[in-house]
Amino acid sequence: MKYRSALRMLGAEEGDGELSTANVQQALSALQEKGLVWRAARGVYAMEDDSLTDLLRQDGHLMGL
């Protein structure tokens, strides 16, 4: 899973960064505060900048999206 391999790459300890609804909501809020995503509707988020979306897709972070 890319999420777990990214955590390992960042040096996270086992059990750090549990994938939970609360953690995902917190991450989305942080991205909104930074102006990287916007909330289009309840549960629907979009990237603010298409060039960032393209870059993430090229790096393999948005596969299947």
C-alpha atoms as a PDB file:
ATOM      1  CA  MET A   1       0.000   0.000   0.000  1.00  0.00           C
ATOM      2  CA  LYS A   2       1.447   3.379  -0.998  1.00  0.00           C
ATOM      3  CA  TYR A   3       0.293   5.018   2.236  1.00  0.00           C
ATOM      4  CA  ARG A   4       2.268   2.631   4.430  1.00  0.00           C
ATOM      5  CA  SER A   5       5.357   2.758   2.206  1.00  0.00           C
ATOM      6  CA  ALA A   6       5.262   6.582   2.302  1.00  0.00           C
ATOM      7  CA  LEU A   7       5.105   6.461   6.107  1.00  0.00           C
ATOM      8  CA  ARG A   8       8.094   4.105   6.207  1.00  0.00           C
ATOM      9  CA  MET A   9      10.001   6.369   3.829  1.00  0.00           C
ATOM     10  CA  LEU A  10       9.322   9.301   6.184  1.00  0.00           C
ATOM     11  CA  GLY A  11      10.634   7.293   9.120  1.00  0.00           C
ATOM     12  CA  ALA A  12       7.329   6.801  10.919  1.00  0.00           C
ATOM     13  CA  GLU A  13       7.221   4.194  13.667  1.00  0.00           C
ATOM     14  CA  GLU A  14       4.944   1.153  13.334  1.00  0.00           C
ATOM     15  CA  GLY A  15       1.422   2.226  14.298  1.00  0.00           C
ATOM     16  CA  ASP A  16       2.035   5.920  13.548  1.00  0.00           C
ATOM     17  CA  GLY A  17      -0.322   7.493  11.063  1.00  0.00           C
ATOM     18  CA  GLU A  18      -3.190   5.072  11.440  1.00  0.00           C
ATOM     19  CA  LEU A  19      -5.531   5.391   8.493  1.00  0.00           C
ATOM     20  CA  SER A  20      -8.797   6.428  10.138  1.00  0.00           C
ATOM     21  CA  THR A  21     -11.699   8.685   9.286  1.00  0.00           C
ATOM     22  CA  ALA A  22     -10.566  11.238  11.863  1.00  0.00           C
ATOM     23  CA  ASN A  23      -7.012  11.330  10.468  1.00  0.00           C
ATOM     24  CA  VAL A  24      -8.257  11.702   6.891  1.00  0.00           C
ATOM     25  CA  GLN A  25     -10.592  14.543   7.909  1.00  0.00           C
ATOM     26  CA  GLN A  26      -7.749  16.249   9.763  1.00  0.00           C
ATOM     27  CA  ALA A  27      -5.472  15.912   6.728  1.00  0.00           C
ATOM     28  CA  LEU A  28      -8.148  17.328   4.408  1.00  0.00           C
ATOM     29  CA  SER A  29      -8.665  20.281   6.769  1.00  0.00           C
ATOM     30  CA  ALA A  30      -4.927  20.968   6.770  1.00  0.00           C
ATOM     31  CA  LEU A  31      -4.841  20.858   2.959  1.00  0.00           C
ATOM     32  CA  GLN A  32      -7.790  23.274   2.822  1.00  0.00           C
ATOM     33  CA  GLU A  33      -6.023  25.695   5.182  1.00  0.00           C
ATOM     34  CA  LYS A  34      -2.965  25.610   2.917  1.00  0.00           C
ATOM     35  CA  GLY A  35      -5.136  26.336  -0.125  1.00  0.00           C
ATOM     36  CA  LEU A  36      -4.303  23.048  -1.858  1.00  0.00           C
ATOM     37  CA  VAL A  37      -7.821  21.599  -1.929  1.00  0.00           C
ATOM     38  CA  TRP A  38     -11.330  22.955  -1.674  1.00  0.00           C
ATOM     39  CA  ARG A  39     -14.484  21.316  -0.487  1.00  0.00           C
ATOM     40  CA  ALA A  40     -17.016  21.249  -3.306  1.00  0.00           C
ATOM     41  CA  ALA A  41     -19.722  19.461  -1.285  1.00  0.00           C
ATOM     42  CA  ARG A  42     -19.956  17.142   1.683  1.00  0.00           C
ATOM     43  CA  GLY A  43     -17.365  14.443   1.043  1.00  0.00           C
ATOM     44  CA  VAL A  44     -16.334  15.945  -2.306  1.00  0.00           C
ATOM     45  CA  TYR A  45     -12.954  17.636  -2.510  1.00  0.00           C
ATOM     46  CA  ALA A  46     -11.022  18.999  -5.468  1.00  0.00           C
ATOM     47  CA  MET A  47      -7.466  20.169  -6.016  1.00  0.00           C
ATOM     48  CA  GLU A  48      -7.088  23.945  -6.314  1.00  0.00           C
ATOM     49  CA  ASP A  49      -4.425  23.758  -9.006  1.00  0.00           C
ATOM     50  CA  ASP A  50      -4.527  21.372 -11.970  1.00  0.00           C
ATOM     51  CA  SER A  51      -0.745  21.541 -12.337  1.00  0.00           C
ATOM     52  CA  LEU A  52      -0.360  20.080  -8.823  1.00  0.00           C
ATOM     53  CA  THR A  53      -2.776  17.295  -9.765  1.00  0.00           C
ATOM     54  CA  ASP A  54      -0.699  16.570 -12.892  1.00  0.00           C
ATOM     55  CA  LEU A  55       2.521  16.506 -10.860  1.00  0.00           C
ATOM     56  CA  LEU A  56       1.080  14.130  -8.251  1.00  0.00           C
ATOM     57  CA  ARG A  57      -0.261  11.870 -11.001  1.00  0.00           C
ATOM     58  CA  GLN A  58       3.139  11.822 -12.772  1.00  0.00           C
ATOM     59  CA  ASP A  59       4.826  10.819  -9.497  1.00  0.00           C
ATOM     60  CA  GLY A  60       2.324   7.971  -9.067  1.00  0.00           C
ATOM     61  CA  HIS A  61       0.464   9.459  -6.088  1.00  0.00           C
ATOM     62  CA  LEU A  62      -2.929   9.676  -7.829  1.00  0.00           C
ATOM     63  CA  MET A  63      -3.075   6.362  -9.624  1.00  0.00           C
ATOM     64  CA  GLY A  64      -6.604   5.376 -10.551  1.00  0.00           C
ATOM     65  CA  LEU A  65      -8.038   8.826  -9.838  1.00  0.00           C
END
